[in-house]
N, C-alpha and C. Protein backbone atom coordinates (compact mmCIF):
# COMPACT_ATOMS: atom_id res chain seq x y z
N MET A 1 9.24 6.43 -31.00
CA MET A 1 7.84 6.21 -30.63
C MET A 1 7.41 4.80 -31.00
N THR A 2 7.90 4.30 -32.16
CA THR A 2 7.56 2.95 -32.57
C THR A 2 8.13 1.91 -31.63
N LEU A 3 9.40 2.14 -31.22
CA LEU A 3 10.03 1.20 -30.29
C LEU A 3 9.32 1.18 -28.95
N LEU A 4 8.89 2.36 -28.50
CA LEU A 4 8.16 2.43 -27.23
C LEU A 4 6.83 1.72 -27.32
N ALA A 5 6.17 1.82 -28.46
CA ALA A 5 4.87 1.16 -28.63
C ALA A 5 5.02 -0.36 -28.62
N LEU A 6 6.19 -0.85 -29.08
CA LEU A 6 6.39 -2.30 -29.09
C LEU A 6 6.37 -2.89 -27.69
N GLU A 7 6.77 -2.08 -26.69
CA GLU A 7 6.80 -2.58 -25.32
C GLU A 7 5.40 -2.67 -24.73
N ILE A 8 4.45 -1.89 -25.25
CA ILE A 8 3.07 -1.95 -24.76
C ILE A 8 2.41 -3.14 -25.46
N ASN A 9 2.72 -4.31 -24.98
CA ASN A 9 2.23 -5.53 -25.59
C ASN A 9 1.05 -6.07 -24.79
N PRO A 10 0.43 -7.13 -25.25
CA PRO A 10 -0.75 -7.67 -24.53
C PRO A 10 -0.48 -8.05 -23.08
N PHE A 11 0.73 -8.54 -22.76
CA PHE A 11 1.04 -8.89 -21.38
C PHE A 11 0.96 -7.67 -20.45
N THR A 12 1.56 -6.57 -20.90
CA THR A 12 1.55 -5.35 -20.09
C THR A 12 0.13 -4.82 -19.93
N ALA A 13 -0.60 -4.75 -21.06
CA ALA A 13 -1.97 -4.24 -21.01
C ALA A 13 -2.86 -5.11 -20.14
N ALA A 14 -2.71 -6.43 -20.27
CA ALA A 14 -3.54 -7.35 -19.48
C ALA A 14 -3.23 -7.23 -17.99
N SER A 15 -1.98 -7.02 -17.65
CA SER A 15 -1.59 -6.92 -16.25
C SER A 15 -2.23 -5.72 -15.57
N PHE A 16 -2.09 -4.56 -16.20
CA PHE A 16 -2.66 -3.35 -15.60
C PHE A 16 -4.19 -3.38 -15.63
N LEU A 17 -4.75 -3.99 -16.64
CA LEU A 17 -6.21 -4.11 -16.71
C LEU A 17 -6.73 -5.02 -15.60
N LEU A 18 -6.03 -6.11 -15.33
CA LEU A 18 -6.43 -7.03 -14.25
C LEU A 18 -6.37 -6.33 -12.90
N LEU A 19 -5.31 -5.57 -12.66
CA LEU A 19 -5.19 -4.85 -11.40
C LEU A 19 -6.30 -3.81 -11.24
N LEU A 20 -6.60 -3.10 -12.34
CA LEU A 20 -7.66 -2.10 -12.30
C LEU A 20 -9.02 -2.74 -12.05
N VAL A 21 -9.33 -3.81 -12.77
CA VAL A 21 -10.63 -4.47 -12.64
C VAL A 21 -10.78 -5.06 -11.24
N TYR A 22 -9.71 -5.65 -10.70
CA TYR A 22 -9.81 -6.24 -9.37
C TYR A 22 -10.14 -5.17 -8.32
N HIS A 23 -9.44 -4.05 -8.36
CA HIS A 23 -9.64 -3.04 -7.33
C HIS A 23 -10.97 -2.30 -7.51
N LEU A 24 -11.40 -2.11 -8.75
CA LEU A 24 -12.73 -1.53 -8.96
C LEU A 24 -13.81 -2.49 -8.45
N GLY A 25 -13.61 -3.78 -8.70
CA GLY A 25 -14.56 -4.77 -8.18
C GLY A 25 -14.56 -4.81 -6.67
N LEU A 26 -13.37 -4.66 -6.06
CA LEU A 26 -13.29 -4.65 -4.60
C LEU A 26 -14.03 -3.45 -4.02
N LEU A 27 -13.88 -2.29 -4.65
CA LEU A 27 -14.60 -1.10 -4.18
C LEU A 27 -16.11 -1.29 -4.30
N ALA A 28 -16.55 -1.91 -5.39
CA ALA A 28 -17.98 -2.15 -5.58
C ALA A 28 -18.52 -3.11 -4.51
N VAL A 29 -17.76 -4.14 -4.22
CA VAL A 29 -18.19 -5.10 -3.19
C VAL A 29 -18.22 -4.44 -1.82
N LYS A 30 -17.21 -3.59 -1.52
CA LYS A 30 -17.17 -2.90 -0.23
C LYS A 30 -18.39 -2.01 -0.03
N ARG A 31 -18.86 -1.40 -1.12
CA ARG A 31 -20.01 -0.51 -1.00
C ARG A 31 -21.33 -1.27 -0.94
N SER A 32 -21.44 -2.33 -1.72
CA SER A 32 -22.71 -3.05 -1.80
C SER A 32 -22.84 -4.17 -0.75
N PHE A 33 -21.73 -4.89 -0.54
CA PHE A 33 -21.74 -6.01 0.41
C PHE A 33 -20.51 -5.91 1.32
N PRO A 34 -20.50 -4.93 2.22
CA PRO A 34 -19.30 -4.72 3.05
C PRO A 34 -18.93 -5.93 3.91
N GLU A 35 -19.92 -6.72 4.29
CA GLU A 35 -19.62 -7.87 5.14
C GLU A 35 -18.87 -8.96 4.39
N ALA A 36 -18.80 -8.86 3.07
CA ALA A 36 -18.08 -9.85 2.30
C ALA A 36 -16.59 -9.59 2.27
N THR A 37 -16.15 -8.45 2.82
CA THR A 37 -14.74 -8.11 2.85
C THR A 37 -14.23 -8.10 4.29
N ILE A 38 -12.92 -8.16 4.43
CA ILE A 38 -12.31 -8.15 5.75
C ILE A 38 -12.37 -6.78 6.39
N TYR A 39 -12.60 -5.75 5.57
CA TYR A 39 -12.52 -4.39 6.07
C TYR A 39 -13.66 -4.04 7.01
N ALA A 40 -14.85 -4.57 6.75
CA ALA A 40 -15.98 -4.29 7.63
C ALA A 40 -15.75 -4.89 9.01
N ARG A 41 -15.25 -6.12 9.05
CA ARG A 41 -14.98 -6.75 10.34
C ARG A 41 -13.89 -6.02 11.11
N ASN A 42 -12.83 -5.62 10.41
CA ASN A 42 -11.76 -4.88 11.07
C ASN A 42 -12.24 -3.53 11.57
N ALA A 43 -13.10 -2.87 10.82
CA ALA A 43 -13.63 -1.57 11.25
C ALA A 43 -14.46 -1.72 12.51
N ARG A 44 -15.29 -2.75 12.57
CA ARG A 44 -16.08 -3.00 13.78
C ARG A 44 -15.18 -3.29 14.97
N THR A 45 -14.13 -4.05 14.74
CA THR A 45 -13.21 -4.39 15.83
C THR A 45 -12.52 -3.15 16.36
N ARG A 46 -12.07 -2.28 15.46
CA ARG A 46 -11.42 -1.05 15.91
C ARG A 46 -12.38 -0.14 16.66
N ALA A 47 -13.63 -0.06 16.19
CA ALA A 47 -14.62 0.76 16.88
C ALA A 47 -14.90 0.22 18.28
N ALA A 48 -15.00 -1.09 18.40
CA ALA A 48 -15.22 -1.70 19.71
C ALA A 48 -14.03 -1.47 20.62
N TRP A 49 -12.82 -1.52 20.05
CA TRP A 49 -11.61 -1.30 20.84
C TRP A 49 -11.59 0.13 21.40
N VAL A 50 -11.93 1.11 20.58
CA VAL A 50 -11.94 2.50 21.02
C VAL A 50 -12.92 2.70 22.17
N ARG A 51 -14.11 2.17 22.02
CA ARG A 51 -15.12 2.34 23.07
C ARG A 51 -14.70 1.63 24.36
N GLU A 52 -14.08 0.48 24.22
CA GLU A 52 -13.61 -0.25 25.41
C GLU A 52 -12.53 0.54 26.13
N MET A 53 -11.59 1.11 25.38
CA MET A 53 -10.51 1.89 25.99
C MET A 53 -11.05 3.15 26.68
N MET A 54 -12.03 3.81 26.06
CA MET A 54 -12.53 5.06 26.61
C MET A 54 -13.48 4.82 27.78
N GLU A 55 -14.32 3.82 27.68
CA GLU A 55 -15.29 3.57 28.75
C GLU A 55 -14.64 2.96 29.98
N LYS A 56 -13.66 2.09 29.78
CA LYS A 56 -13.01 1.43 30.91
C LYS A 56 -11.76 2.16 31.40
N GLY A 57 -11.36 3.20 30.67
CA GLY A 57 -10.19 3.98 31.08
C GLY A 57 -8.89 3.19 31.05
N ARG A 58 -8.72 2.35 30.05
CA ARG A 58 -7.52 1.54 29.95
C ARG A 58 -6.43 2.30 29.18
N ASP A 59 -5.88 3.31 29.84
CA ASP A 59 -4.93 4.20 29.18
C ASP A 59 -3.64 3.48 28.78
N ILE A 60 -3.12 2.65 29.68
CA ILE A 60 -1.84 1.99 29.41
C ILE A 60 -1.97 1.04 28.22
N LEU A 61 -3.04 0.27 28.19
CA LEU A 61 -3.25 -0.65 27.07
C LEU A 61 -3.42 0.10 25.76
N ALA A 62 -4.14 1.23 25.82
CA ALA A 62 -4.34 2.03 24.61
C ALA A 62 -3.01 2.57 24.08
N VAL A 63 -2.17 3.08 25.00
CA VAL A 63 -0.88 3.62 24.60
C VAL A 63 0.02 2.54 24.02
N GLN A 64 0.01 1.36 24.63
CA GLN A 64 0.84 0.27 24.12
C GLN A 64 0.40 -0.17 22.72
N THR A 65 -0.91 -0.24 22.52
CA THR A 65 -1.42 -0.63 21.21
C THR A 65 -1.07 0.41 20.15
N LEU A 66 -1.25 1.69 20.49
CA LEU A 66 -0.92 2.75 19.55
C LEU A 66 0.58 2.78 19.27
N ARG A 67 1.38 2.47 20.28
CA ARG A 67 2.83 2.43 20.10
C ARG A 67 3.20 1.34 19.09
N ASN A 68 2.57 0.19 19.21
CA ASN A 68 2.84 -0.89 18.26
C ASN A 68 2.45 -0.50 16.84
N TRP A 69 1.28 0.12 16.69
CA TRP A 69 0.84 0.57 15.37
C TRP A 69 1.82 1.59 14.79
N THR A 70 2.23 2.55 15.63
CA THR A 70 3.11 3.61 15.15
C THR A 70 4.48 3.06 14.77
N MET A 71 5.02 2.13 15.58
CA MET A 71 6.32 1.55 15.27
C MET A 71 6.29 0.78 13.95
N ALA A 72 5.23 0.02 13.74
CA ALA A 72 5.11 -0.74 12.49
C ALA A 72 5.01 0.19 11.29
N ALA A 73 4.18 1.23 11.41
CA ALA A 73 4.02 2.19 10.31
C ALA A 73 5.32 2.95 10.07
N SER A 74 6.05 3.30 11.14
CA SER A 74 7.31 4.03 10.99
C SER A 74 8.35 3.19 10.26
N PHE A 75 8.44 1.91 10.62
CA PHE A 75 9.40 1.03 9.95
C PHE A 75 9.08 0.89 8.47
N LEU A 76 7.81 0.68 8.15
CA LEU A 76 7.40 0.51 6.76
C LEU A 76 7.56 1.81 5.97
N ALA A 77 7.30 2.96 6.61
CA ALA A 77 7.49 4.24 5.93
C ALA A 77 8.97 4.49 5.65
N SER A 78 9.82 4.20 6.63
CA SER A 78 11.26 4.40 6.45
C SER A 78 11.80 3.51 5.33
N THR A 79 11.35 2.26 5.32
CA THR A 79 11.79 1.34 4.27
C THR A 79 11.35 1.82 2.90
N ALA A 80 10.11 2.29 2.81
CA ALA A 80 9.57 2.74 1.53
C ALA A 80 10.32 3.94 0.98
N ILE A 81 10.64 4.91 1.84
CA ILE A 81 11.32 6.12 1.35
C ILE A 81 12.75 5.80 0.95
N LEU A 82 13.40 4.88 1.64
CA LEU A 82 14.76 4.48 1.26
C LEU A 82 14.77 3.81 -0.11
N ILE A 83 13.81 2.92 -0.33
CA ILE A 83 13.72 2.24 -1.63
C ILE A 83 13.39 3.24 -2.73
N ALA A 84 12.45 4.15 -2.44
CA ALA A 84 12.05 5.15 -3.44
C ALA A 84 13.22 6.03 -3.85
N LEU A 85 14.00 6.49 -2.88
CA LEU A 85 15.14 7.35 -3.18
C LEU A 85 16.23 6.57 -3.92
N ALA A 86 16.43 5.30 -3.55
CA ALA A 86 17.42 4.48 -4.24
C ALA A 86 17.03 4.28 -5.70
N LEU A 87 15.76 4.01 -5.94
CA LEU A 87 15.29 3.84 -7.32
C LEU A 87 15.41 5.14 -8.10
N LEU A 88 15.10 6.24 -7.45
CA LEU A 88 15.21 7.54 -8.12
C LEU A 88 16.66 7.83 -8.48
N ASN A 89 17.57 7.43 -7.62
CA ASN A 89 18.99 7.62 -7.92
C ASN A 89 19.41 6.79 -9.12
N ILE A 90 18.88 5.58 -9.24
CA ILE A 90 19.20 4.73 -10.40
C ILE A 90 18.65 5.35 -11.68
N VAL A 91 17.43 5.91 -11.58
CA VAL A 91 16.82 6.53 -12.76
C VAL A 91 17.68 7.69 -13.26
N LEU A 92 18.26 8.45 -12.33
CA LEU A 92 19.06 9.61 -12.72
C LEU A 92 20.48 9.24 -13.11
N THR A 93 20.83 7.96 -12.97
CA THR A 93 22.18 7.49 -13.33
C THR A 93 22.10 6.78 -14.67
N THR A 94 22.79 7.27 -15.64
CA THR A 94 22.76 6.66 -16.97
C THR A 94 23.80 5.56 -17.07
N GLY A 95 23.52 4.61 -17.95
CA GLY A 95 24.47 3.53 -18.18
C GLY A 95 24.68 2.64 -16.99
N HIS A 96 23.62 2.40 -16.21
CA HIS A 96 23.75 1.57 -15.02
C HIS A 96 24.00 0.11 -15.41
N PRO A 97 24.93 -0.59 -14.73
CA PRO A 97 25.23 -1.97 -15.09
C PRO A 97 24.07 -2.93 -14.89
N ALA A 98 23.05 -2.50 -14.16
CA ALA A 98 21.91 -3.40 -13.95
C ALA A 98 21.14 -3.66 -15.24
N ASP A 99 21.31 -2.79 -16.25
CA ASP A 99 20.60 -2.99 -17.52
C ASP A 99 20.92 -4.34 -18.14
N ALA A 100 22.20 -4.72 -18.12
CA ALA A 100 22.59 -6.00 -18.71
C ALA A 100 21.97 -7.16 -17.97
N VAL A 101 21.87 -7.04 -16.65
CA VAL A 101 21.28 -8.11 -15.84
C VAL A 101 19.80 -8.26 -16.18
N MET A 102 19.10 -7.12 -16.33
CA MET A 102 17.68 -7.16 -16.64
C MET A 102 17.44 -7.84 -17.99
N GLN A 103 18.31 -7.59 -18.96
CA GLN A 103 18.13 -8.15 -20.29
C GLN A 103 18.31 -9.66 -20.28
N MET A 104 19.11 -10.19 -19.34
CA MET A 104 19.32 -11.63 -19.27
C MET A 104 18.02 -12.36 -18.94
N PHE A 105 17.14 -11.71 -18.16
CA PHE A 105 15.89 -12.34 -17.73
C PHE A 105 14.73 -12.04 -18.67
N SER A 106 14.94 -11.22 -19.66
CA SER A 106 13.85 -10.83 -20.54
C SER A 106 13.73 -11.81 -21.70
N PHE A 107 12.50 -12.24 -21.96
CA PHE A 107 12.25 -13.12 -23.11
C PHE A 107 11.38 -12.43 -24.15
N MET A 108 11.24 -11.09 -24.04
CA MET A 108 10.41 -10.34 -24.98
C MET A 108 11.26 -9.46 -25.89
N GLY A 109 12.59 -9.67 -25.92
CA GLY A 109 13.43 -8.87 -26.81
C GLY A 109 14.26 -7.87 -26.05
N LYS A 110 15.01 -7.08 -26.79
CA LYS A 110 15.93 -6.12 -26.21
C LYS A 110 15.17 -5.00 -25.51
N ARG A 111 15.66 -4.63 -24.31
CA ARG A 111 15.05 -3.55 -23.55
C ARG A 111 15.52 -2.20 -24.07
N ILE A 112 14.66 -1.23 -23.97
CA ILE A 112 15.00 0.13 -24.33
C ILE A 112 15.40 0.86 -23.05
N GLU A 113 16.58 1.48 -23.07
CA GLU A 113 17.11 2.08 -21.84
C GLU A 113 16.17 3.12 -21.27
N SER A 114 15.60 3.98 -22.11
CA SER A 114 14.71 5.01 -21.62
C SER A 114 13.44 4.41 -21.02
N LEU A 115 12.93 3.35 -21.63
CA LEU A 115 11.75 2.70 -21.10
C LEU A 115 12.06 2.00 -19.79
N HIS A 116 13.25 1.43 -19.70
CA HIS A 116 13.67 0.80 -18.45
C HIS A 116 13.70 1.83 -17.32
N GLN A 117 14.14 3.03 -17.61
CA GLN A 117 14.15 4.08 -16.60
C GLN A 117 12.74 4.51 -16.23
N ILE A 118 11.83 4.48 -17.20
CA ILE A 118 10.43 4.81 -16.91
C ILE A 118 9.84 3.78 -15.94
N LYS A 119 10.18 2.51 -16.15
CA LYS A 119 9.70 1.47 -15.24
C LYS A 119 10.22 1.71 -13.82
N LEU A 120 11.51 2.05 -13.71
CA LEU A 120 12.08 2.34 -12.40
C LEU A 120 11.41 3.55 -11.77
N LEU A 121 11.10 4.54 -12.59
CA LEU A 121 10.44 5.74 -12.07
C LEU A 121 9.04 5.41 -11.57
N ILE A 122 8.29 4.57 -12.29
CA ILE A 122 6.96 4.15 -11.85
C ILE A 122 7.06 3.39 -10.52
N LEU A 123 8.06 2.52 -10.41
CA LEU A 123 8.25 1.78 -9.16
C LEU A 123 8.61 2.73 -8.02
N SER A 124 9.43 3.75 -8.33
CA SER A 124 9.78 4.74 -7.32
C SER A 124 8.55 5.51 -6.86
N VAL A 125 7.69 5.90 -7.80
CA VAL A 125 6.45 6.62 -7.45
C VAL A 125 5.57 5.75 -6.55
N ASP A 126 5.52 4.45 -6.83
CA ASP A 126 4.74 3.55 -6.00
C ASP A 126 5.24 3.56 -4.55
N PHE A 127 6.56 3.58 -4.38
CA PHE A 127 7.10 3.60 -3.01
C PHE A 127 6.93 4.96 -2.35
N PHE A 128 6.94 6.05 -3.14
CA PHE A 128 6.62 7.35 -2.57
C PHE A 128 5.16 7.38 -2.10
N PHE A 129 4.26 6.79 -2.88
CA PHE A 129 2.87 6.66 -2.49
C PHE A 129 2.75 5.85 -1.19
N THR A 130 3.52 4.78 -1.10
CA THR A 130 3.52 3.95 0.11
C THR A 130 4.01 4.74 1.31
N PHE A 131 5.09 5.48 1.14
CA PHE A 131 5.65 6.31 2.21
C PHE A 131 4.62 7.33 2.69
N PHE A 132 3.98 8.00 1.75
CA PHE A 132 2.99 9.02 2.12
C PHE A 132 1.88 8.43 2.98
N ASN A 133 1.35 7.28 2.60
CA ASN A 133 0.24 6.71 3.34
C ASN A 133 0.65 6.24 4.73
N PHE A 134 1.83 5.68 4.87
CA PHE A 134 2.26 5.27 6.20
C PHE A 134 2.53 6.47 7.10
N THR A 135 3.05 7.56 6.54
CA THR A 135 3.24 8.75 7.37
C THR A 135 1.90 9.36 7.77
N MET A 136 0.91 9.29 6.88
CA MET A 136 -0.43 9.75 7.25
C MET A 136 -1.03 8.89 8.34
N ALA A 137 -0.78 7.58 8.28
CA ALA A 137 -1.25 6.68 9.34
C ALA A 137 -0.62 7.06 10.67
N ILE A 138 0.68 7.36 10.67
CA ILE A 138 1.36 7.78 11.90
C ILE A 138 0.74 9.06 12.44
N ARG A 139 0.43 9.98 11.54
CA ARG A 139 -0.20 11.25 11.95
C ARG A 139 -1.50 11.00 12.68
N TYR A 140 -2.35 10.16 12.13
CA TYR A 140 -3.63 9.89 12.78
C TYR A 140 -3.44 9.14 14.10
N TYR A 141 -2.48 8.22 14.16
CA TYR A 141 -2.22 7.50 15.40
C TYR A 141 -1.73 8.45 16.50
N ASN A 142 -0.93 9.44 16.11
CA ASN A 142 -0.47 10.42 17.10
C ASN A 142 -1.63 11.24 17.64
N HIS A 143 -2.53 11.67 16.75
CA HIS A 143 -3.71 12.39 17.20
C HIS A 143 -4.57 11.51 18.12
N LEU A 144 -4.68 10.24 17.73
CA LEU A 144 -5.50 9.32 18.51
C LEU A 144 -4.96 9.14 19.92
N GLY A 145 -3.63 9.19 20.08
CA GLY A 145 -3.03 9.04 21.40
C GLY A 145 -3.50 10.10 22.37
N PHE A 146 -3.73 11.31 21.88
CA PHE A 146 -4.24 12.38 22.74
C PHE A 146 -5.76 12.25 22.93
N MET A 147 -6.46 11.96 21.85
CA MET A 147 -7.92 11.95 21.91
C MET A 147 -8.45 10.85 22.83
N ILE A 148 -7.81 9.68 22.78
CA ILE A 148 -8.37 8.54 23.52
C ILE A 148 -8.07 8.60 25.01
N ASN A 149 -7.10 9.46 25.40
CA ASN A 149 -6.71 9.53 26.80
C ASN A 149 -7.23 10.77 27.52
N VAL A 150 -8.04 11.57 26.85
CA VAL A 150 -8.63 12.74 27.51
C VAL A 150 -9.68 12.27 28.51
N PRO A 151 -9.62 12.72 29.78
CA PRO A 151 -10.61 12.30 30.77
C PRO A 151 -12.02 12.71 30.35
N PRO A 152 -13.02 11.93 30.72
CA PRO A 152 -14.40 12.26 30.37
C PRO A 152 -14.79 13.63 30.92
N GLY A 153 -15.43 14.41 30.11
CA GLY A 153 -15.84 15.74 30.53
C GLY A 153 -16.31 16.55 29.34
N ALA A 154 -16.46 17.83 29.57
CA ALA A 154 -16.99 18.70 28.52
C ALA A 154 -16.01 18.84 27.36
N THR A 155 -14.70 18.74 27.64
CA THR A 155 -13.71 18.95 26.59
C THR A 155 -13.28 17.65 25.92
N SER A 156 -13.73 16.51 26.39
CA SER A 156 -13.32 15.24 25.82
C SER A 156 -14.03 15.00 24.48
N PRO A 157 -13.33 14.42 23.51
CA PRO A 157 -13.96 14.16 22.21
C PRO A 157 -14.99 13.05 22.30
N ALA A 158 -15.98 13.12 21.44
CA ALA A 158 -16.99 12.07 21.40
C ALA A 158 -16.37 10.79 20.88
N PRO A 159 -16.84 9.63 21.39
CA PRO A 159 -16.28 8.36 20.90
C PRO A 159 -16.37 8.21 19.39
N ALA A 160 -17.43 8.78 18.78
CA ALA A 160 -17.58 8.66 17.33
C ALA A 160 -16.43 9.34 16.59
N SER A 161 -15.98 10.50 17.08
CA SER A 161 -14.87 11.20 16.43
C SER A 161 -13.56 10.46 16.61
N VAL A 162 -13.40 9.81 17.76
CA VAL A 162 -12.19 9.01 18.00
C VAL A 162 -12.18 7.80 17.07
N VAL A 163 -13.34 7.16 16.93
CA VAL A 163 -13.45 6.02 16.03
C VAL A 163 -13.14 6.45 14.60
N GLU A 164 -13.63 7.62 14.20
CA GLU A 164 -13.37 8.12 12.85
C GLU A 164 -11.87 8.32 12.63
N THR A 165 -11.18 8.82 13.65
CA THR A 165 -9.74 9.04 13.53
C THR A 165 -8.98 7.73 13.36
N VAL A 166 -9.33 6.73 14.16
CA VAL A 166 -8.62 5.45 14.04
C VAL A 166 -8.93 4.78 12.71
N GLN A 167 -10.13 4.98 12.19
CA GLN A 167 -10.47 4.41 10.88
C GLN A 167 -9.68 5.08 9.76
N TYR A 168 -9.47 6.39 9.85
CA TYR A 168 -8.66 7.09 8.86
C TYR A 168 -7.22 6.56 8.88
N GLY A 169 -6.68 6.41 10.09
CA GLY A 169 -5.32 5.87 10.20
C GLY A 169 -5.21 4.48 9.63
N ALA A 170 -6.20 3.64 9.90
CA ALA A 170 -6.19 2.27 9.38
C ALA A 170 -6.32 2.26 7.86
N ALA A 171 -7.11 3.18 7.31
CA ALA A 171 -7.28 3.24 5.86
C ALA A 171 -5.96 3.58 5.17
N HIS A 172 -5.22 4.55 5.73
CA HIS A 172 -3.92 4.90 5.15
C HIS A 172 -2.92 3.76 5.33
N TYR A 173 -2.99 3.06 6.44
CA TYR A 173 -2.10 1.91 6.63
C TYR A 173 -2.38 0.84 5.57
N THR A 174 -3.66 0.61 5.30
CA THR A 174 -4.03 -0.37 4.28
C THR A 174 -3.54 0.05 2.90
N LEU A 175 -3.67 1.35 2.58
CA LEU A 175 -3.19 1.83 1.29
C LEU A 175 -1.67 1.69 1.19
N GLY A 176 -0.98 1.92 2.31
CA GLY A 176 0.46 1.73 2.31
C GLY A 176 0.86 0.29 2.03
N MET A 177 0.16 -0.65 2.66
CA MET A 177 0.43 -2.05 2.39
C MET A 177 0.09 -2.41 0.95
N ARG A 178 -0.96 -1.78 0.41
CA ARG A 178 -1.32 -2.03 -0.98
C ARG A 178 -0.20 -1.59 -1.91
N GLY A 179 0.48 -0.49 -1.54
CA GLY A 179 1.62 -0.05 -2.32
C GLY A 179 2.75 -1.06 -2.32
N TYR A 180 2.99 -1.70 -1.17
CA TYR A 180 4.00 -2.75 -1.11
C TYR A 180 3.60 -3.95 -1.98
N TYR A 181 2.32 -4.32 -1.94
CA TYR A 181 1.86 -5.44 -2.76
C TYR A 181 2.06 -5.12 -4.25
N LEU A 182 1.72 -3.89 -4.63
CA LEU A 182 1.83 -3.50 -6.03
C LEU A 182 3.28 -3.47 -6.51
N SER A 183 4.20 -3.28 -5.59
CA SER A 183 5.61 -3.21 -5.98
C SER A 183 6.13 -4.55 -6.51
N VAL A 184 5.48 -5.65 -6.16
CA VAL A 184 5.94 -6.97 -6.62
C VAL A 184 5.82 -7.10 -8.14
N PRO A 185 4.62 -6.91 -8.72
CA PRO A 185 4.56 -7.00 -10.20
C PRO A 185 5.34 -5.89 -10.88
N LEU A 186 5.40 -4.70 -10.28
CA LEU A 186 6.16 -3.61 -10.90
C LEU A 186 7.64 -3.93 -10.93
N ALA A 187 8.15 -4.56 -9.88
CA ALA A 187 9.57 -4.95 -9.87
C ALA A 187 9.83 -6.05 -10.90
N LEU A 188 8.91 -6.99 -11.01
CA LEU A 188 9.08 -8.05 -12.00
C LEU A 188 8.98 -7.51 -13.42
N TRP A 189 8.29 -6.38 -13.58
CA TRP A 189 8.17 -5.76 -14.90
C TRP A 189 9.54 -5.36 -15.46
N LEU A 190 10.50 -5.12 -14.57
CA LEU A 190 11.84 -4.76 -15.02
C LEU A 190 12.48 -5.87 -15.86
N PHE A 191 12.06 -7.11 -15.61
CA PHE A 191 12.61 -8.24 -16.35
C PHE A 191 11.81 -8.55 -17.62
N GLY A 192 10.68 -7.89 -17.80
CA GLY A 192 9.90 -8.10 -19.01
C GLY A 192 8.42 -8.15 -18.74
N PRO A 193 7.59 -7.93 -19.75
CA PRO A 193 6.14 -7.93 -19.59
C PRO A 193 5.58 -9.27 -19.13
N GLY A 194 6.20 -10.37 -19.55
CA GLY A 194 5.72 -11.68 -19.11
C GLY A 194 5.83 -11.84 -17.61
N TRP A 195 6.94 -11.36 -17.07
CA TRP A 195 7.11 -11.43 -15.61
C TRP A 195 6.11 -10.53 -14.90
N LEU A 196 5.77 -9.39 -15.51
CA LEU A 196 4.74 -8.51 -14.95
C LEU A 196 3.41 -9.24 -14.82
N LEU A 197 3.04 -9.98 -15.86
CA LEU A 197 1.79 -10.70 -15.84
C LEU A 197 1.80 -11.79 -14.78
N VAL A 198 2.92 -12.50 -14.65
CA VAL A 198 3.04 -13.54 -13.62
C VAL A 198 2.90 -12.93 -12.23
N GLY A 199 3.61 -11.82 -11.99
CA GLY A 199 3.51 -11.15 -10.69
C GLY A 199 2.12 -10.64 -10.41
N THR A 200 1.43 -10.13 -11.44
CA THR A 200 0.07 -9.63 -11.26
C THR A 200 -0.88 -10.76 -10.85
N LEU A 201 -0.77 -11.89 -11.51
CA LEU A 201 -1.63 -13.03 -11.17
C LEU A 201 -1.38 -13.51 -9.75
N ILE A 202 -0.11 -13.53 -9.34
CA ILE A 202 0.22 -13.95 -7.98
C ILE A 202 -0.35 -12.99 -6.96
N ILE A 203 -0.20 -11.68 -7.21
CA ILE A 203 -0.68 -10.68 -6.27
C ILE A 203 -2.20 -10.69 -6.18
N ILE A 204 -2.87 -10.82 -7.31
CA ILE A 204 -4.34 -10.85 -7.29
C ILE A 204 -4.84 -12.07 -6.54
N ALA A 205 -4.19 -13.22 -6.75
CA ALA A 205 -4.57 -14.42 -6.01
C ALA A 205 -4.37 -14.23 -4.51
N THR A 206 -3.28 -13.56 -4.14
CA THR A 206 -3.02 -13.29 -2.73
C THR A 206 -4.03 -12.33 -2.15
N LEU A 207 -4.35 -11.28 -2.89
CA LEU A 207 -5.30 -10.28 -2.41
C LEU A 207 -6.70 -10.85 -2.30
N CYS A 208 -7.05 -11.76 -3.18
CA CYS A 208 -8.37 -12.42 -3.08
C CYS A 208 -8.51 -13.12 -1.74
N HIS A 209 -7.42 -13.66 -1.25
CA HIS A 209 -7.44 -14.34 0.05
C HIS A 209 -7.41 -13.31 1.19
N VAL A 210 -6.62 -12.25 1.02
CA VAL A 210 -6.46 -11.24 2.08
C VAL A 210 -7.72 -10.39 2.26
N ASP A 211 -8.39 -10.04 1.16
CA ASP A 211 -9.49 -9.08 1.21
C ASP A 211 -10.83 -9.68 1.61
N ARG A 212 -10.96 -10.98 1.53
CA ARG A 212 -12.26 -11.56 1.88
C ARG A 212 -12.26 -11.99 3.35
N THR A 213 -13.46 -12.20 3.88
CA THR A 213 -13.60 -12.47 5.29
C THR A 213 -13.23 -13.90 5.68
N GLY A 214 -13.40 -14.83 4.79
CA GLY A 214 -13.09 -16.20 5.19
C GLY A 214 -13.15 -17.16 4.02
């Protein structure tokens, strides 16, 4: 227990605290000043796209766009599950030769094998989370393919419900990409807490640019 506590050093604590504070701040900004984030503009664009496809009857364009979204999400989901299963296999394999390589890059002292496996397990969980969100995005895109192509009539869905479906799919796609972003500092954590902090600062700087409107 003492050895495990030694690994919870200020670098590790600061890294996870920075990630938590950034995302809590982002949620607060999205609720109070949605126009300050890229998500409000993207949501308006998707809503306008749905109405344009349904009102003008552009079935072929709608199918092509949904196909592109589905292919991208499928590729990212497949990649995520392969990485997650590979990491899980390493966790279940004792005495892996990668331990020596990780220690070469560490400047915070000798790594604890059990803690190293915990780090790999956390990284694996992150990729399982990523896989889940991309598969959910595919699910909503598949539903959207039927909803957006129903001819106008009594049985056709209201544009508002179609917009809601595409927004749900986009939200899961965004969460999936967030999982990929988070994997960068988590992977660097394998080399030591200092690398975790460096990766966290890089990711937060990148997200500050990605999440804002301009």
